[in-house]
Amino acid sequence: MSEAVERLRKHVVEKVLHGPGTTSGDKRRAAFDNKETPPKIRDLLDKVTKNAWKVTDEDVAAVSKAGLSDDEIFELVVCAAVGQSTRQLDAALAALEDASVEGKTA
């Protein structure tokens, strides 16, 4: 990956985790890592990271009913999505690197 792309990627993650918002940095990091997420939003974030296409208005409404604001829901969902996409990209790049190394030694 080019240096420019890597720099932009890090910038996006930095903004998602530490940019202006209503949700604490600890909650954002938990959503990004998909670990120890707040109970009120855990099911929604799990769905975002594993089956995003299955998220419904009802899923979001349930979290809203549980007391989270629209801004909090949005921020945590974005953190979860960016975290999952980061993990997937890292895994894909590692697989490509492994395949490249194996191809050179064969």
Protein backbone atom coordinates (compact mmCIF):
# COMPACT_ATOMS: atom_id res chain seq x y z
CA MET A 1 0.00 0.00 0.00
CA SER A 2 1.36 3.43 -0.88
CA GLU A 3 2.48 5.83 1.83
CA ALA A 4 -0.25 8.29 0.82
CA VAL A 5 -2.97 5.67 1.19
CA GLU A 6 -1.59 4.51 4.53
CA ARG A 7 -1.44 8.11 5.76
CA LEU A 8 -5.07 8.71 4.74
CA ARG A 9 -6.14 5.47 6.33
CA LYS A 10 -4.52 6.42 9.64
CA HIS A 11 -6.08 9.88 9.42
CA VAL A 12 -9.57 8.40 9.04
CA VAL A 13 -9.08 6.10 12.03
CA GLU A 14 -7.71 9.00 14.10
CA LYS A 15 -10.73 11.19 13.26
CA VAL A 16 -13.22 8.40 13.94
CA LEU A 17 -11.68 7.64 17.34
CA HIS A 18 -10.65 11.10 18.49
CA GLY A 19 -12.47 13.69 16.37
CA PRO A 20 -15.22 15.90 17.72
CA GLY A 21 -18.29 14.07 18.88
CA THR A 22 -20.63 13.29 21.73
CA THR A 23 -19.42 9.78 22.54
CA SER A 24 -16.44 9.21 24.84
CA GLY A 25 -13.15 7.99 23.44
CA ASP A 26 -13.40 4.80 25.50
CA LYS A 27 -16.80 3.92 24.01
CA ARG A 28 -15.57 4.72 20.51
CA ARG A 29 -12.50 2.51 20.97
CA ALA A 30 -14.65 -0.33 22.31
CA ALA A 31 -16.94 -0.07 19.27
CA PHE A 32 -13.94 0.13 16.90
CA ASP A 33 -12.39 -2.98 18.51
CA ASN A 34 -15.81 -4.67 18.91
CA LYS A 35 -14.90 -5.48 22.50
CA GLU A 36 -16.58 -4.52 25.75
CA THR A 37 -19.17 -2.39 23.99
CA PRO A 38 -21.92 -0.74 26.03
CA PRO A 39 -24.73 -3.26 26.65
CA LYS A 40 -27.39 -0.93 25.23
CA ILE A 41 -25.79 -1.01 21.77
CA ARG A 42 -23.89 -4.31 21.76
CA ASP A 43 -26.38 -6.23 19.58
CA LEU A 44 -26.47 -3.48 16.96
CA LEU A 45 -22.68 -3.19 16.80
CA ASP A 46 -22.30 -6.96 16.52
CA LYS A 47 -24.73 -6.90 13.61
CA VAL A 48 -22.86 -4.02 11.97
CA THR A 49 -19.57 -5.91 12.16
CA LYS A 50 -20.87 -9.32 11.14
CA ASN A 51 -23.98 -8.79 8.99
CA ALA A 52 -24.25 -5.08 8.20
CA TRP A 53 -26.74 -5.69 5.40
CA LYS A 54 -29.19 -7.05 7.98
CA VAL A 55 -29.34 -3.89 10.11
CA THR A 56 -32.91 -2.56 10.20
CA ASP A 57 -34.63 0.58 11.33
CA GLU A 58 -35.97 -1.49 14.22
CA ASP A 59 -32.42 -2.31 15.38
CA VAL A 60 -31.58 1.39 15.53
CA ALA A 61 -34.93 2.25 17.15
CA ALA A 62 -34.28 -0.30 19.91
CA VAL A 63 -30.98 1.37 20.75
CA SER A 64 -32.64 4.77 20.67
CA LYS A 65 -35.34 3.51 23.04
CA ALA A 66 -32.58 2.27 25.35
CA GLY A 67 -31.50 5.87 25.81
CA LEU A 68 -28.73 6.57 23.31
CA SER A 69 -28.98 9.73 21.23
CA ASP A 70 -28.93 9.67 17.43
CA ASP A 71 -25.43 11.19 17.52
CA GLU A 72 -24.14 8.49 19.89
CA ILE A 73 -25.66 5.72 17.78
CA PHE A 74 -24.19 7.17 14.58
CA GLU A 75 -20.73 7.63 16.08
CA LEU A 76 -20.58 4.13 17.55
CA VAL A 77 -21.89 2.49 14.37
CA VAL A 78 -19.28 4.34 12.30
CA CYS A 79 -16.55 3.29 14.74
CA ALA A 80 -17.68 -0.35 14.55
CA ALA A 81 -17.83 -0.27 10.73
CA VAL A 82 -14.42 1.39 10.35
CA GLY A 83 -12.91 -0.99 12.90
CA GLN A 84 -14.26 -4.05 11.09
CA SER A 85 -13.18 -2.79 7.68
CA THR A 86 -9.72 -2.07 9.09
CA ARG A 87 -9.42 -5.61 10.44
CA GLN A 88 -10.60 -7.07 7.13
CA LEU A 89 -8.18 -4.95 5.09
CA ASP A 90 -5.30 -5.84 7.40
CA ALA A 91 -6.13 -9.55 7.06
CA ALA A 92 -6.35 -9.29 3.27
CA LEU A 93 -3.03 -7.44 3.03
CA ALA A 94 -1.38 -10.02 5.30
CA ALA A 95 -2.72 -12.85 3.13
CA LEU A 96 -1.39 -11.16 0.00
CA GLU A 97 1.98 -10.67 1.65
CA ASP A 98 2.08 -14.34 2.73
CA ALA A 99 1.16 -15.45 -0.79
CA SER A 100 3.84 -13.21 -2.24
CA VAL A 101 6.50 -14.59 0.11
CA GLU A 102 5.44 -18.17 -0.60
CA GLY A 103 5.56 -17.50 -4.35
CA LYS A 104 9.12 -16.22 -4.09
CA THR A 105 10.33 -19.26 -2.11
CA ALA A 106 8.64 -21.85 -4.30
